[in-house]
C-alpha atoms as a PDB file:
ATOM      1  CA  MET A   1      16.678  15.717   0.453  1.00  0.00           C
ATOM      2  CA  LEU A   2      14.117  12.946   0.828  1.00  0.00           C
ATOM      3  CA  ILE A   3      10.870  14.711  -0.025  1.00  0.00           C
ATOM      4  CA  ASN A   4       9.216  14.544  -3.461  1.00  0.00           C
ATOM      5  CA  LYS A   5      11.709  11.977  -4.722  1.00  0.00           C
ATOM      6  CA  PHE A   6      11.698   8.361  -5.839  1.00  0.00           C
ATOM      7  CA  HIS A   7      14.480   6.556  -3.982  1.00  0.00           C
ATOM      8  CA  ASN A   8      15.932   3.614  -5.880  1.00  0.00           C
ATOM      9  CA  GLU A   9      16.548   1.411  -2.837  1.00  0.00           C
ATOM     10  CA  ASN A  10      14.673  -0.867  -0.488  1.00  0.00           C
ATOM     11  CA  CYS A  11      12.255   0.777   1.907  1.00  0.00           C
ATOM     12  CA  PHE A  12      14.354   0.121   5.011  1.00  0.00           C
ATOM     13  CA  GLU A  13      17.219   2.138   3.527  1.00  0.00           C
ATOM     14  CA  THR A  14      14.896   5.065   2.849  1.00  0.00           C
ATOM     15  CA  MET A  15      13.197   4.907   6.236  1.00  0.00           C
ATOM     16  CA  GLY A  16      16.608   4.713   7.890  1.00  0.00           C
ATOM     17  CA  LYS A  17      17.263   8.244   6.598  1.00  0.00           C
ATOM     18  CA  MET A  18      14.012   9.614   8.019  1.00  0.00           C
ATOM     19  CA  ASN A  19      13.567  11.432  11.296  1.00  0.00           C
ATOM     20  CA  ASP A  20      11.246  10.031  13.922  1.00  0.00           C
ATOM     21  CA  ASN A  21       7.587  11.069  13.559  1.00  0.00           C
ATOM     22  CA  MET A  22       8.149  12.556  10.103  1.00  0.00           C
ATOM     23  CA  ILE A  23       5.351  11.003   8.027  1.00  0.00           C
ATOM     24  CA  ASP A  24       1.643  11.909   8.175  1.00  0.00           C
ATOM     25  CA  VAL A  25       0.303   8.894   6.284  1.00  0.00           C
ATOM     26  CA  VAL A  26       1.778   5.695   4.889  1.00  0.00           C
ATOM     27  CA  LEU A  27      -0.098   4.653   1.754  1.00  0.00           C
ATOM     28  CA  THR A  28       1.232   1.585   0.039  1.00  0.00           C
ATOM     29  CA  SER A  29       0.506  -1.668  -1.727  1.00  0.00           C
ATOM     30  CA  PRO A  30       3.215  -4.216  -0.880  1.00  0.00           C
ATOM     31  CA  PHE A  31       3.988  -7.355  -2.826  1.00  0.00           C
ATOM     32  CA  TYR A  32       1.381  -9.946  -1.886  1.00  0.00           C
ATOM     33  CA  ASN A  33       3.709 -12.957  -1.826  1.00  0.00           C
ATOM     34  CA  THR A  34       1.293 -14.990  -3.929  1.00  0.00           C
ATOM     35  CA  ASN A  35       3.659 -16.508  -6.512  1.00  0.00           C
ATOM     36  CA  ILE A  36       4.517 -19.402  -4.249  1.00  0.00           C
ATOM     37  CA  LYS A  37       2.434 -22.247  -2.911  1.00  0.00           C
ATOM     38  CA  ALA A  38       2.219 -22.159   0.858  1.00  0.00           C
ATOM     39  CA  GLY A  39       5.229 -23.855   2.394  1.00  0.00           C
ATOM     40  CA  LYS A  40       6.864 -24.756  -0.917  1.00  0.00           C
ATOM     41  CA  ARG A  41       9.795 -23.315  -2.866  1.00  0.00           C
ATOM     42  CA  LYS A  42       8.618 -24.005  -6.396  1.00  0.00           C
ATOM     43  CA  THR A  43       8.860 -20.575  -8.032  1.00  0.00           C
ATOM     44  CA  LEU A  44       9.603 -18.889 -11.316  1.00  0.00           C
ATOM     45  CA  LEU A  45      13.231 -18.183 -10.406  1.00  0.00           C
ATOM     46  CA  ASN A  46      14.615 -20.458 -13.078  1.00  0.00           C
ATOM     47  CA  THR A  47      12.910 -18.590 -15.917  1.00  0.00           C
ATOM     48  CA  GLN A  48      15.573 -16.314 -17.398  1.00  0.00           C
ATOM     49  CA  SER A  49      14.619 -13.588 -19.843  1.00  0.00           C
ATOM     50  CA  LYS A  50      16.595 -12.246 -22.792  1.00  0.00           C
ATOM     51  CA  ARG A  51      16.875  -8.890 -21.020  1.00  0.00           C
ATOM     52  CA  GLY A  52      19.285 -10.332 -18.483  1.00  0.00           C
ATOM     53  CA  HIS A  53      17.000 -10.572 -15.491  1.00  0.00           C
ATOM     54  CA  TYR A  54      14.378 -13.003 -14.294  1.00  0.00           C
ATOM     55  CA  ASP A  55      11.140 -12.838 -16.232  1.00  0.00           C
ATOM     56  CA  TYR A  56       8.736 -12.680 -13.310  1.00  0.00           C
ATOM     57  CA  VAL A  57       4.974 -12.659 -13.484  1.00  0.00           C
ATOM     58  CA  ARG A  58       4.440  -9.218 -11.965  1.00  0.00           C
ATOM     59  CA  TYR A  59       7.636  -7.199 -11.523  1.00  0.00           C
ATOM     60  CA  ASP A  60      10.852  -6.652 -13.428  1.00  0.00           C
ATOM     61  CA  ILE A  61      13.282  -7.527 -10.607  1.00  0.00           C
ATOM     62  CA  HIS A  62      11.208  -9.000  -7.793  1.00  0.00           C
ATOM     63  CA  CYS A  63       9.534 -12.365  -7.341  1.00  0.00           C
ATOM     64  CA  ASP A  64       7.298 -13.341  -4.420  1.00  0.00           C
ATOM     65  CA  VAL A  65       9.352 -16.245  -3.106  1.00  0.00           C
ATOM     66  CA  MET A  66       9.113 -15.905   0.677  1.00  0.00           C
ATOM     67  CA  SER A  67       7.645 -18.604   2.847  1.00  0.00           C
ATOM     68  CA  ASN A  68       4.707 -17.461   4.948  1.00  0.00           C
ATOM     69  CA  ASP A  69       6.937 -17.331   8.027  1.00  0.00           C
ATOM     70  CA  GLU A  70       9.467 -15.150   6.205  1.00  0.00           C
ATOM     71  CA  TYR A  71       6.694 -12.906   4.927  1.00  0.00           C
ATOM     72  CA  CYS A  72       5.380 -12.429   8.470  1.00  0.00           C
ATOM     73  CA  GLU A  73       8.872 -11.561   9.739  1.00  0.00           C
ATOM     74  CA  PHE A  74       9.309  -9.056   6.930  1.00  0.00           C
ATOM     75  CA  THR A  75       5.911  -7.488   7.678  1.00  0.00           C
ATOM     76  CA  ILE A  76       6.674  -7.156  11.392  1.00  0.00           C
ATOM     77  CA  LYS A  77       9.983  -5.439  10.628  1.00  0.00           C
ATOM     78  CA  LEU A  78       8.188  -3.112   8.219  1.00  0.00           C
ATOM     79  CA  PHE A  79       5.513  -2.034  10.700  1.00  0.00           C
ATOM     80  CA  LYS A  80       7.976  -1.503  13.508  1.00  0.00           C
ATOM     81  CA  GLU A  81       9.749   0.981  11.266  1.00  0.00           C
ATOM     82  CA  TYR A  82       6.432   2.567  10.283  1.00  0.00           C
ATOM     83  CA  ASN A  83       5.829   3.083  13.994  1.00  0.00           C
ATOM     84  CA  ARG A  84       9.044   5.085  14.264  1.00  0.00           C
ATOM     85  CA  ILE A  85       8.545   7.374  11.263  1.00  0.00           C
ATOM     86  CA  LEU A  86       4.794   7.960  11.599  1.00  0.00           C
ATOM     87  CA  LYS A  87       3.536  11.104  13.328  1.00  0.00           C
ATOM     88  CA  LYS A  88       1.258  10.922  16.338  1.00  0.00           C
ATOM     89  CA  ASN A  89      -2.262  10.003  15.183  1.00  0.00           C
ATOM     90  CA  GLY A  90      -1.049   9.097  11.710  1.00  0.00           C
ATOM     91  CA  CYS A  91      -2.228   5.931   9.987  1.00  0.00           C
ATOM     92  CA  VAL A  92      -1.078   3.262   7.559  1.00  0.00           C
ATOM     93  CA  LEU A  93      -3.277   2.541   4.526  1.00  0.00           C
ATOM     94  CA  TYR A  94      -2.235  -0.950   3.481  1.00  0.00           C
ATOM     95  CA  ASN A  95      -3.622  -2.480   0.287  1.00  0.00           C
ATOM     96  CA  ILE A  96      -3.176  -6.239   0.251  1.00  0.00           C
ATOM     97  CA  SER A  97      -4.928  -9.349  -1.001  1.00  0.00           C
ATOM     98  CA  TYR A  98      -4.417 -13.106  -1.155  1.00  0.00           C
ATOM     99  CA  GLY A  99      -3.816 -15.561  -3.960  1.00  0.00           C
ATOM    100  CA  ASN A 100      -5.473 -18.821  -4.891  1.00  0.00           C
ATOM    101  CA  GLU A 101      -2.222 -20.734  -4.337  1.00  0.00           C
ATOM    102  CA  ASN A 102      -1.531 -19.151  -0.954  1.00  0.00           C
ATOM    103  CA  THR A 103      -4.751 -18.103   0.706  1.00  0.00           C
ATOM    104  CA  GLU A 104      -3.409 -17.932   4.253  1.00  0.00           C
ATOM    105  CA  GLY A 105      -0.365 -15.671   3.751  1.00  0.00           C
ATOM    106  CA  MET A 106      -2.252 -12.389   3.987  1.00  0.00           C
ATOM    107  CA  PHE A 107      -4.162 -13.413   7.101  1.00  0.00           C
ATOM    108  CA  ARG A 108      -1.027 -14.606   8.874  1.00  0.00           C
ATOM    109  CA  ALA A 109       0.707 -11.320   8.069  1.00  0.00           C
ATOM    110  CA  LEU A 110      -2.237  -9.327   9.445  1.00  0.00           C
ATOM    111  CA  ASN A 111      -2.209 -11.386  12.628  1.00  0.00           C
ATOM    112  CA  SER A 112       1.518 -10.727  13.012  1.00  0.00           C
ATOM    113  CA  ILE A 113       0.975  -6.977  12.770  1.00  0.00           C
ATOM    114  CA  ILE A 114      -1.766  -7.002  15.388  1.00  0.00           C
ATOM    115  CA  THR A 115      -0.040  -9.331  17.847  1.00  0.00           C
ATOM    116  CA  GLN A 116       3.616  -8.317  17.461  1.00  0.00           C
ATOM    117  CA  THR A 117       3.621  -4.567  16.744  1.00  0.00           C
ATOM    118  CA  ASP A 118       2.052  -1.442  18.249  1.00  0.00           C
ATOM    119  CA  PHE A 119      -0.557  -1.303  15.462  1.00  0.00           C
ATOM    120  CA  THR A 120      -4.117  -2.546  15.243  1.00  0.00           C
ATOM    121  CA  VAL A 121      -6.737  -2.616  12.500  1.00  0.00           C
ATOM    122  CA  ALA A 122      -8.974   0.443  12.762  1.00  0.00           C
ATOM    123  CA  ASP A 123     -10.957  -0.258   9.599  1.00  0.00           C
ATOM    124  CA  CYS A 124     -11.157  -2.572   6.624  1.00  0.00           C
ATOM    125  CA  ILE A 125     -12.005  -0.860   3.342  1.00  0.00           C
ATOM    126  CA  ILE A 126     -13.273  -2.885   0.407  1.00  0.00           C
ATOM    127  CA  TRP A 127     -11.818  -1.667  -2.883  1.00  0.00           C
ATOM    128  CA  LYS A 128     -14.363  -2.501  -5.568  1.00  0.00           C
ATOM    129  CA  LYS A 129     -12.707  -2.585  -8.972  1.00  0.00           C
ATOM    130  CA  SER A 130     -14.271  -1.877 -12.331  1.00  0.00           C
ATOM    131  CA  ASN A 131     -13.571  -5.440 -13.509  1.00  0.00           C
ATOM    132  CA  ALA A 132     -12.175  -8.699 -12.195  1.00  0.00           C
ATOM    133  CA  LEU A 133      -9.228  -9.166 -14.531  1.00  0.00           C
ATOM    134  CA  PRO A 134      -7.310 -11.415 -14.568  1.00  0.00           C
ATOM    135  CA  ASN A 135      -9.971 -14.101 -14.579  1.00  0.00           C
ATOM    136  CA  ASN A 136      -9.869 -16.839 -11.976  1.00  0.00           C
ATOM    137  CA  CYS A 137      -8.806 -20.294 -13.221  1.00  0.00           C
ATOM    138  CA  SER A 138      -9.879 -22.106 -10.054  1.00  0.00           C
ATOM    139  CA  SER A 139     -12.623 -24.723 -10.197  1.00  0.00           C
ATOM    140  CA  ASN A 140     -13.967 -23.862  -6.737  1.00  0.00           C
ATOM    141  CA  ARG A 141     -12.771 -20.357  -5.773  1.00  0.00           C
ATOM    142  CA  LEU A 142     -14.778 -17.286  -6.759  1.00  0.00           C
ATOM    143  CA  THR A 143     -13.471 -14.584  -9.066  1.00  0.00           C
ATOM    144  CA  ARG A 144     -12.638 -11.602  -6.885  1.00  0.00           C
ATOM    145  CA  LEU A 145     -13.877  -8.170  -7.884  1.00  0.00           C
ATOM    146  CA  THR A 146     -12.491  -6.613  -4.709  1.00  0.00           C
ATOM    147  CA  GLU A 147      -9.329  -6.130  -2.698  1.00  0.00           C
ATOM    148  CA  PHE A 148      -8.710  -4.892   0.824  1.00  0.00           C
ATOM    149  CA  VAL A 149      -7.260  -1.698   2.198  1.00  0.00           C
ATOM    150  CA  PHE A 150      -6.568  -2.122   5.905  1.00  0.00           C
ATOM    151  CA  VAL A 151      -6.411   1.054   7.974  1.00  0.00           C
ATOM    152  CA  PHE A 152      -3.819   0.556  10.705  1.00  0.00           C
ATOM    153  CA  CYS A 153      -3.307   2.922  13.628  1.00  0.00           C
ATOM    154  CA  ARG A 154      -1.395   2.627  16.881  1.00  0.00           C
ATOM    155  CA  LYS A 155      -3.369   0.767  19.514  1.00  0.00           C
ATOM    156  CA  ASP A 156      -3.380   3.731  21.893  1.00  0.00           C
ATOM    157  CA  GLU A 157      -4.583   6.054  19.104  1.00  0.00           C
ATOM    158  CA  LEU A 158      -7.598   4.037  18.007  1.00  0.00           C
ATOM    159  CA  LYS A 159      -9.990   6.827  19.020  1.00  0.00           C
ATOM    160  CA  THR A 160      -7.786   9.738  18.010  1.00  0.00           C
ATOM    161  CA  PHE A 161      -6.062   8.910  14.702  1.00  0.00           C
ATOM    162  CA  HIS A 162      -6.662  11.521  12.010  1.00  0.00           C
ATOM    163  CA  SER A 163      -9.486  11.534   9.497  1.00  0.00           C
ATOM    164  CA  ASN A 164     -11.272  14.274   7.590  1.00  0.00           C
ATOM    165  CA  LYS A 165     -14.821  13.226   8.419  1.00  0.00           C
ATOM    166  CA  LYS A 166     -16.987  16.323   8.783  1.00  0.00           C
ATOM    167  CA  ILE A 167     -19.303  17.105  11.680  1.00  0.00           C
ATOM    168  CA  VAL A 168     -22.887  17.245  10.371  1.00  0.00           C
ATOM    169  CA  SER A 169     -24.694  18.019  13.627  1.00  0.00           C
ATOM    170  CA  VAL A 170     -24.252  18.357  17.373  1.00  0.00           C
ATOM    171  CA  ARG A 171     -26.818  16.960  19.785  1.00  0.00           C
ATOM    172  CA  LYS A 172     -28.042  18.827  22.850  1.00  0.00           C
ATOM    173  CA  THR A 173     -25.827  16.573  24.923  1.00  0.00           C
ATOM    174  CA  GLY A 174     -22.826  17.841  23.000  1.00  0.00           C
ATOM    175  CA  GLN A 175     -22.349  14.585  21.123  1.00  0.00           C
ATOM    176  CA  LYS A 176     -21.015  15.194  17.614  1.00  0.00           C
ATOM    177  CA  MET A 177     -22.513  13.405  14.639  1.00  0.00           C
ATOM    178  CA  TYR A 178     -20.250  12.793  11.645  1.00  0.00           C
ATOM    179  CA  GLU A 179     -20.891  12.260   7.955  1.00  0.00           C
ATOM    180  CA  ASN A 180     -21.246   8.753   6.629  1.00  0.00           C
ATOM    181  CA  ILE A 181     -18.285   7.578   4.587  1.00  0.00           C
ATOM    182  CA  TYR A 182     -18.850   3.990   3.593  1.00  0.00           C
ATOM    183  CA  ASN A 183     -16.139   1.365   3.686  1.00  0.00           C
ATOM    184  CA  ILE A 184     -16.690   0.327   0.066  1.00  0.00           C
ATOM    185  CA  VAL A 185     -14.612   2.479  -2.273  1.00  0.00           C
ATOM    186  CA  GLU A 186     -15.127   2.106  -6.001  1.00  0.00           C
ATOM    187  CA  ALA A 187     -12.100   2.895  -8.165  1.00  0.00           C
ATOM    188  CA  LYS A 188     -10.635   1.641 -11.421  1.00  0.00           C
ATOM    189  CA  ASN A 189      -8.168  -1.236 -11.322  1.00  0.00           C
ATOM    190  CA  ASN A 190      -5.055   0.713 -12.301  1.00  0.00           C
ATOM    191  CA  ASP A 191      -3.765   3.624 -14.379  1.00  0.00           C
ATOM    192  CA  GLY A 192      -2.819   1.579 -17.402  1.00  0.00           C
ATOM    193  CA  PRO A 193       0.055  -0.706 -18.377  1.00  0.00           C
ATOM    194  CA  CYS A 194       3.639  -0.276 -17.240  1.00  0.00           C
ATOM    195  CA  PRO A 195       6.371  -2.296 -19.007  1.00  0.00           C
ATOM    196  CA  PHE A 196       8.098  -3.097 -15.702  1.00  0.00           C
ATOM    197  CA  ASN A 197       5.121  -3.805 -13.448  1.00  0.00           C
ATOM    198  CA  LYS A 198       2.064  -5.926 -14.181  1.00  0.00           C
ATOM    199  CA  ALA A 199       0.459  -5.165 -10.806  1.00  0.00           C
ATOM    200  CA  THR A 200       0.134  -1.385 -11.016  1.00  0.00           C
ATOM    201  CA  TYR A 201      -1.967   0.644  -8.592  1.00  0.00           C
ATOM    202  CA  SER A 202      -4.948   2.982  -8.967  1.00  0.00           C
ATOM    203  CA  SER A 203      -4.398   6.729  -8.505  1.00  0.00           C
ATOM    204  CA  GLU A 204      -8.179   7.132  -8.280  1.00  0.00           C
ATOM    205  CA  LEU A 205      -8.185   4.852  -5.232  1.00  0.00           C
ATOM    206  CA  CYS A 206      -5.177   6.658  -3.726  1.00  0.00           C
ATOM    207  CA  GLU A 207      -6.832  10.059  -4.107  1.00  0.00           C
ATOM    208  CA  LYS A 208     -10.024   8.856  -2.458  1.00  0.00           C
ATOM    209  CA  LEU A 209      -8.127   7.334   0.473  1.00  0.00           C
ATOM    210  CA  LEU A 210      -5.954  10.407   1.010  1.00  0.00           C
ATOM    211  CA  LYS A 211      -8.992  12.683   0.985  1.00  0.00           C
ATOM    212  CA  ILE A 212     -10.321  10.683   3.939  1.00  0.00           C
ATOM    213  CA  TYR A 213      -7.164  10.181   6.009  1.00  0.00           C
ATOM    214  CA  ALA A 214      -4.472  12.730   5.067  1.00  0.00           C
ATOM    215  CA  PRO A 215      -4.358  16.337   6.270  1.00  0.00           C
ATOM    216  CA  ILE A 216      -4.941  18.145   2.978  1.00  0.00           C
ATOM    217  CA  ASN A 217      -2.270  20.828   3.067  1.00  0.00           C
ATOM    218  CA  GLN A 218       1.136  21.482   1.533  1.00  0.00           C
ATOM    219  CA  ASP A 219       3.006  20.317   4.645  1.00  0.00           C
ATOM    220  CA  THR A 220       1.582  16.795   4.620  1.00  0.00           C
ATOM    221  CA  ILE A 221       4.062  14.041   3.745  1.00  0.00           C
ATOM    222  CA  VAL A 222       2.861  10.693   2.406  1.00  0.00           C
ATOM    223  CA  TYR A 223       5.232   7.736   2.264  1.00  0.00           C
ATOM    224  CA  ASP A 224       4.947   4.773  -0.097  1.00  0.00           C
ATOM    225  CA  SER A 225       7.424   2.024   0.720  1.00  0.00           C
ATOM    226  CA  PHE A 226       6.650   0.126  -2.509  1.00  0.00           C
ATOM    227  CA  MET A 227       6.191   2.977  -4.975  1.00  0.00           C
ATOM    228  CA  GLY A 228       6.214   0.880  -8.153  1.00  0.00           C
ATOM    229  CA  SER A 229       5.107   2.976 -11.120  1.00  0.00           C
ATOM    230  CA  GLY A 230       4.594   6.136  -9.048  1.00  0.00           C
ATOM    231  CA  THR A 231       0.831   5.980  -8.516  1.00  0.00           C
ATOM    232  CA  THR A 232       0.832   7.275  -4.941  1.00  0.00           C
ATOM    233  CA  ALA A 233       3.050  10.188  -6.000  1.00  0.00           C
ATOM    234  CA  VAL A 234       0.632  11.060  -8.801  1.00  0.00           C
ATOM    235  CA  ALA A 235      -2.261  11.166  -6.333  1.00  0.00           C
ATOM    236  CA  CYS A 236      -0.232  13.343  -3.960  1.00  0.00           C
ATOM    237  CA  ALA A 237       0.643  15.765  -6.765  1.00  0.00           C
ATOM    238  CA  LYS A 238      -3.025  16.129  -7.693  1.00  0.00           C
ATOM    239  CA  LEU A 239      -3.925  16.917  -4.071  1.00  0.00           C
ATOM    240  CA  GLY A 240      -0.977  19.220  -3.388  1.00  0.00           C
ATOM    241  CA  LEU A 241       0.698  16.862  -0.912  1.00  0.00           C
ATOM    242  CA  LYS A 242       4.362  15.926  -0.556  1.00  0.00           C
ATOM    243  CA  PHE A 243       5.562  12.369  -1.002  1.00  0.00           C
ATOM    244  CA  ILE A 244       8.516  10.077  -0.412  1.00  0.00           C
ATOM    245  CA  GLY A 245       8.786   6.868  -2.398  1.00  0.00           C
ATOM    246  CA  SER A 246      10.982   3.777  -2.201  1.00  0.00           C
ATOM    247  CA  GLU A 247      11.361   1.424  -5.151  1.00  0.00           C
ATOM    248  CA  ILE A 248      14.051  -1.205  -5.759  1.00  0.00           C
ATOM    249  CA  SER A 249      13.563  -1.174  -9.542  1.00  0.00           C
ATOM    250  CA  GLU A 250      15.636   1.512 -11.256  1.00  0.00           C
ATOM    251  CA  SER A 251      13.503   1.171 -14.384  1.00  0.00           C
ATOM    252  CA  GLN A 252      10.330   1.878 -12.435  1.00  0.00           C
ATOM    253  CA  CYS A 253      11.910   4.896 -10.717  1.00  0.00           C
ATOM    254  CA  VAL A 254      12.769   6.414 -14.108  1.00  0.00           C
ATOM    255  CA  TYR A 255       9.282   5.570 -15.366  1.00  0.00           C
ATOM    256  CA  SER A 256       7.721   7.212 -12.287  1.00  0.00           C
ATOM    257  CA  GLU A 257       9.774  10.385 -12.628  1.00  0.00           C
ATOM    258  CA  ASN A 258       8.693  10.809 -16.246  1.00  0.00           C
ATOM    259  CA  ARG A 259       5.100  10.039 -15.358  1.00  0.00           C
ATOM    260  CA  LEU A 260       5.054  12.614 -12.568  1.00  0.00           C
ATOM    261  CA  LYS A 261       6.521  15.299 -14.846  1.00  0.00           C
ATOM    262  CA  GLN A 262       3.543  14.845 -17.163  1.00  0.00           C
ATOM    263  CA  VAL A 263       1.112  15.245 -14.258  1.00  0.00           C
ATOM    264  CA  LEU A 264       2.868  18.347 -12.946  1.00  0.00           C
END
């Protein structure tokens, strides 16, 4: 049984168990690959913690050590599998940003998706956070108060992919006029600290995104390929949606299960 569970494995293992066209919406925030300077291999891998694993900046068992080329290859593989599991007219809500030490990685990954998969960018949502922590230490780069959520759909479904925008009027010609939903979404930075993840997600943001793009009914299945501390699952539970989550950290899976029990 895949549904409403946190799967302690990499996302390709979980997706490999899924049927074709099974998922209504993919909502995820992947690792940004910002711990490494572009084209270099100087990382934090040599920093060993007393707990027996590497003491990374953000996660308990993962460090962003890919080159930009490797990150693009990984992203292409990911979206090709999204294409298989996603229902017709489903979409991928992909939260990603860039780092001061590797500003081009995100943009190269986005270009790879558009040019080498069946997906295209349908929208770019600006996630405005409540504060800009952590502060920027750069002498010439601005402190970012925002991140991006890219809305991906299949290229042949650009005009048909699902959203919940309401019709507000119909012209005499029959043309439908829809409500305005602006592409700036304000939501808090995260849901609080997690001992295994210093880059946790915002359930407030997830709820707002799902209300726009997910069919709001008990049959809807949302997949998060990088579930982390269970934030997407929490948002799904609050909206009465089903979820499937992949997470390589056993500690975070246990944390997420306990967190979801409190919500339920």
